[in-house]
């Protein structure tokens, strides 16, 4: 859907003068001018405004997100157990800067499994589970 400057300004909750400044700076995605009128396409019901490059850096701080819990299987410990006939726990639970090892992990609520072969964790893990919920470690 394509709208004019008045409708787009109402959708964005800004003045039409400010929208015209953004349009003339080329910051409204895929907007074009026909004669004296700007035509602005909507994406999911809103125009897309590109970020500006000028001005000072923002001084506010984004709120800190809770520390993510990352769970992965430590393949080094698996190999060590096979070579030395040991039974060391092989599942690593990382919360902030701490590592906890266990054999069984319970994850209540939502979690996600991540596979990043090109961007592994600092420990070398390429597959891991991330969750924001508390994790119960059963040794």
C-alpha atoms as a PDB file:
ATOM      1  CA  UNK A   1       0.000   0.000   0.000  1.00  0.00           C
ATOM      2  CA  UNK A   2       1.226   3.491  -0.804  1.00  0.00           C
ATOM      3  CA  UNK A   3       0.253   6.636   1.155  1.00  0.00           C
ATOM      4  CA  UNK A   4       0.986  10.353   1.039  1.00  0.00           C
ATOM      5  CA  UNK A   5       2.918  12.480   3.522  1.00  0.00           C
ATOM      6  CA  UNK A   6      -0.072  13.390   5.710  1.00  0.00           C
ATOM      7  CA  UNK A   7      -1.147   9.770   6.256  1.00  0.00           C
ATOM      8  CA  UNK A   8       2.448   8.577   6.767  1.00  0.00           C
ATOM      9  CA  UNK A   9       3.078  11.344   9.325  1.00  0.00           C
ATOM     10  CA  UNK A  10      -0.060  10.314  11.230  1.00  0.00           C
ATOM     11  CA  UNK A  11       1.043   6.658  11.216  1.00  0.00           C
ATOM     12  CA  UNK A  12       4.540   7.587  12.471  1.00  0.00           C
ATOM     13  CA  UNK A  13       3.115  10.155  14.937  1.00  0.00           C
ATOM     14  CA  UNK A  14       5.408  12.926  13.681  1.00  0.00           C
ATOM     15  CA  UNK A  15       4.690  16.212  11.936  1.00  0.00           C
ATOM     16  CA  UNK A  16       4.436  16.408   8.155  1.00  0.00           C
ATOM     17  CA  UNK A  17       7.318  18.931   8.144  1.00  0.00           C
ATOM     18  CA  UNK A  18       9.594  16.415   9.902  1.00  0.00           C
ATOM     19  CA  UNK A  19       8.523  13.696   7.470  1.00  0.00           C
ATOM     20  CA  UNK A  20       9.351  15.940   4.509  1.00  0.00           C
ATOM     21  CA  UNK A  21      12.824  16.517   5.985  1.00  0.00           C
ATOM     22  CA  UNK A  22      13.307  12.743   6.245  1.00  0.00           C
ATOM     23  CA  UNK A  23      12.031  12.301   2.690  1.00  0.00           C
ATOM     24  CA  UNK A  24      14.380  14.924   1.248  1.00  0.00           C
ATOM     25  CA  UNK A  25      17.305  13.302   3.115  1.00  0.00           C
ATOM     26  CA  UNK A  26      16.438   9.964   1.494  1.00  0.00           C
ATOM     27  CA  UNK A  27      15.784   8.225   4.823  1.00  0.00           C
ATOM     28  CA  UNK A  28      12.327   6.822   4.008  1.00  0.00           C
ATOM     29  CA  UNK A  29      12.724   3.431   2.327  1.00  0.00           C
ATOM     30  CA  UNK A  30      11.492   3.214  -1.291  1.00  0.00           C
ATOM     31  CA  UNK A  31       9.677   6.593  -1.171  1.00  0.00           C
ATOM     32  CA  UNK A  32       9.569   8.508  -4.431  1.00  0.00           C
ATOM     33  CA  UNK A  33       8.251  11.817  -5.673  1.00  0.00           C
ATOM     34  CA  UNK A  34       5.836  12.304  -8.570  1.00  0.00           C
ATOM     35  CA  UNK A  35       5.402  15.947  -9.419  1.00  0.00           C
ATOM     36  CA  UNK A  36       4.881  17.737  -6.100  1.00  0.00           C
ATOM     37  CA  UNK A  37       3.629  14.682  -4.198  1.00  0.00           C
ATOM     38  CA  UNK A  38       5.607  12.075  -2.244  1.00  0.00           C
ATOM     39  CA  UNK A  39       4.451   8.458  -2.469  1.00  0.00           C
ATOM     40  CA  UNK A  40       5.471   6.389   0.545  1.00  0.00           C
ATOM     41  CA  UNK A  41       5.123   2.573   0.601  1.00  0.00           C
ATOM     42  CA  UNK A  42       4.035   0.837   3.805  1.00  0.00           C
ATOM     43  CA  UNK A  43       5.726  -2.293   5.120  1.00  0.00           C
ATOM     44  CA  UNK A  44       3.580  -4.127   7.695  1.00  0.00           C
ATOM     45  CA  UNK A  45       1.453  -0.999   8.027  1.00  0.00           C
ATOM     46  CA  UNK A  46       4.294   1.508   8.576  1.00  0.00           C
ATOM     47  CA  UNK A  47       6.901   3.329   6.490  1.00  0.00           C
ATOM     48  CA  UNK A  48      10.479   2.263   7.178  1.00  0.00           C
ATOM     49  CA  UNK A  49      12.781   5.079   8.304  1.00  0.00           C
ATOM     50  CA  UNK A  50      16.541   4.475   7.927  1.00  0.00           C
ATOM     51  CA  UNK A  51      18.823   5.477  10.788  1.00  0.00           C
ATOM     52  CA  UNK A  52      20.607   8.805  10.561  1.00  0.00           C
ATOM     53  CA  UNK A  53      24.400   9.053  10.551  1.00  0.00           C
ATOM     54  CA  UNK A  54      24.930  12.522  11.982  1.00  0.00           C
ATOM     55  CA  UNK A  55      24.753  13.932  15.447  1.00  0.00           C
ATOM     56  CA  UNK A  56      26.266  12.879  18.750  1.00  0.00           C
ATOM     57  CA  UNK A  57      26.217   9.327  19.970  1.00  0.00           C
ATOM     58  CA  UNK A  58      23.324   8.580  22.313  1.00  0.00           C
ATOM     59  CA  UNK A  59      24.117   9.051  25.982  1.00  0.00           C
ATOM     60  CA  UNK A  60      21.491   6.749  27.433  1.00  0.00           C
ATOM     61  CA  UNK A  61      22.237   3.174  28.341  1.00  0.00           C
ATOM     62  CA  UNK A  62      20.107   0.332  27.190  1.00  0.00           C
ATOM     63  CA  UNK A  63      18.709  -1.699  30.047  1.00  0.00           C
ATOM     64  CA  UNK A  64      20.753  -4.781  30.839  1.00  0.00           C
ATOM     65  CA  UNK A  65      19.169  -8.001  29.765  1.00  0.00           C
ATOM     66  CA  UNK A  66      19.227 -10.876  32.219  1.00  0.00           C
ATOM     67  CA  UNK A  67      22.232 -13.135  31.842  1.00  0.00           C
ATOM     68  CA  UNK A  68      21.607 -15.843  29.327  1.00  0.00           C
ATOM     69  CA  UNK A  69      22.120 -19.444  30.320  1.00  0.00           C
ATOM     70  CA  UNK A  70      24.003 -21.442  27.689  1.00  0.00           C
ATOM     71  CA  UNK A  71      24.101 -25.232  27.787  1.00  0.00           C
ATOM     72  CA  UNK A  72      26.388 -27.330  25.619  1.00  0.00           C
ATOM     73  CA  UNK A  73      27.943 -30.783  25.493  1.00  0.00           C
ATOM     74  CA  UNK A  74      31.694 -30.703  26.117  1.00  0.00           C
ATOM     75  CA  UNK A  75      33.253 -33.020  23.504  1.00  0.00           C
ATOM     76  CA  UNK A  76      36.697 -32.717  25.125  1.00  0.00           C
ATOM     77  CA  UNK A  77      35.324 -34.272  28.314  1.00  0.00           C
ATOM     78  CA  UNK A  78      33.677 -37.058  26.302  1.00  0.00           C
ATOM     79  CA  UNK A  79      37.027 -37.922  24.693  1.00  0.00           C
ATOM     80  CA  UNK A  80      38.768 -37.657  28.072  1.00  0.00           C
ATOM     81  CA  UNK A  81      36.219 -40.063  29.593  1.00  0.00           C
ATOM     82  CA  UNK A  82      36.774 -42.561  26.769  1.00  0.00           C
ATOM     83  CA  UNK A  83      40.578 -42.412  26.937  1.00  0.00           C
ATOM     84  CA  UNK A  84      40.981 -42.485  30.713  1.00  0.00           C
ATOM     85  CA  UNK A  85      37.922 -44.628  31.582  1.00  0.00           C
ATOM     86  CA  UNK A  86      36.455 -41.823  33.733  1.00  0.00           C
ATOM     87  CA  UNK A  87      32.906 -40.629  34.362  1.00  0.00           C
ATOM     88  CA  UNK A  88      33.317 -36.833  34.388  1.00  0.00           C
ATOM     89  CA  UNK A  89      30.086 -34.856  33.718  1.00  0.00           C
ATOM     90  CA  UNK A  90      30.023 -33.684  30.082  1.00  0.00           C
ATOM     91  CA  UNK A  91      27.187 -31.123  29.992  1.00  0.00           C
ATOM     92  CA  UNK A  92      28.349 -27.541  30.650  1.00  0.00           C
ATOM     93  CA  UNK A  93      25.941 -24.859  31.922  1.00  0.00           C
ATOM     94  CA  UNK A  94      27.303 -21.316  31.447  1.00  0.00           C
ATOM     95  CA  UNK A  95      25.611 -18.467  33.318  1.00  0.00           C
ATOM     96  CA  UNK A  96      27.569 -15.227  33.067  1.00  0.00           C
ATOM     97  CA  UNK A  97      31.203 -16.039  33.882  1.00  0.00           C
ATOM     98  CA  UNK A  98      30.540 -19.321  35.750  1.00  0.00           C
ATOM     99  CA  UNK A  99      30.594 -22.877  34.396  1.00  0.00           C
ATOM    100  CA  UNK A 100      28.759 -25.730  36.080  1.00  0.00           C
ATOM    101  CA  UNK A 101      29.023 -29.331  34.922  1.00  0.00           C
ATOM    102  CA  UNK A 102      26.364 -32.033  35.145  1.00  0.00           C
ATOM    103  CA  UNK A 103      25.104 -35.269  33.609  1.00  0.00           C
ATOM    104  CA  UNK A 104      21.412 -34.321  33.373  1.00  0.00           C
ATOM    105  CA  UNK A 105      19.880 -30.877  32.906  1.00  0.00           C
ATOM    106  CA  UNK A 106      16.204 -29.901  33.260  1.00  0.00           C
ATOM    107  CA  UNK A 107      15.039 -26.806  31.344  1.00  0.00           C
ATOM    108  CA  UNK A 108      11.589 -25.535  32.348  1.00  0.00           C
ATOM    109  CA  UNK A 109       9.883 -23.155  29.926  1.00  0.00           C
ATOM    110  CA  UNK A 110      11.225 -21.979  26.593  1.00  0.00           C
ATOM    111  CA  UNK A 111      14.682 -22.470  25.165  1.00  0.00           C
ATOM    112  CA  UNK A 112      16.351 -22.571  21.768  1.00  0.00           C
ATOM    113  CA  UNK A 113      19.039 -24.697  20.174  1.00  0.00           C
ATOM    114  CA  UNK A 114      21.679 -22.685  18.270  1.00  0.00           C
ATOM    115  CA  UNK A 115      24.073 -24.030  15.621  1.00  0.00           C
ATOM    116  CA  UNK A 116      26.779 -21.594  14.485  1.00  0.00           C
ATOM    117  CA  UNK A 117      29.714 -23.382  12.832  1.00  0.00           C
ATOM    118  CA  UNK A 118      31.192 -20.087  11.591  1.00  0.00           C
ATOM    119  CA  UNK A 119      30.864 -18.241  14.914  1.00  0.00           C
ATOM    120  CA  UNK A 120      31.481 -20.675  17.816  1.00  0.00           C
ATOM    121  CA  UNK A 121      31.465 -19.725  21.490  1.00  0.00           C
ATOM    122  CA  UNK A 122      34.740 -18.818  23.178  1.00  0.00           C
ATOM    123  CA  UNK A 123      34.973 -22.401  24.480  1.00  0.00           C
ATOM    124  CA  UNK A 124      34.704 -23.755  20.906  1.00  0.00           C
ATOM    125  CA  UNK A 125      31.088 -24.982  21.065  1.00  0.00           C
ATOM    126  CA  UNK A 126      29.276 -24.853  17.730  1.00  0.00           C
ATOM    127  CA  UNK A 127      25.910 -26.179  18.998  1.00  0.00           C
ATOM    128  CA  UNK A 128      24.329 -25.036  22.261  1.00  0.00           C
ATOM    129  CA  UNK A 129      21.022 -24.371  24.008  1.00  0.00           C
ATOM    130  CA  UNK A 130      20.077 -20.878  25.213  1.00  0.00           C
ATOM    131  CA  UNK A 131      17.433 -20.078  27.826  1.00  0.00           C
ATOM    132  CA  UNK A 132      16.495 -17.192  30.124  1.00  0.00           C
ATOM    133  CA  UNK A 133      14.853 -19.519  32.656  1.00  0.00           C
ATOM    134  CA  UNK A 134      16.486 -21.152  35.672  1.00  0.00           C
ATOM    135  CA  UNK A 135      18.142 -24.460  34.908  1.00  0.00           C
ATOM    136  CA  UNK A 136      18.157 -27.408  37.318  1.00  0.00           C
ATOM    137  CA  UNK A 137      21.446 -29.342  37.261  1.00  0.00           C
ATOM    138  CA  UNK A 138      21.273 -32.975  38.336  1.00  0.00           C
ATOM    139  CA  UNK A 139      24.702 -34.504  38.955  1.00  0.00           C
END
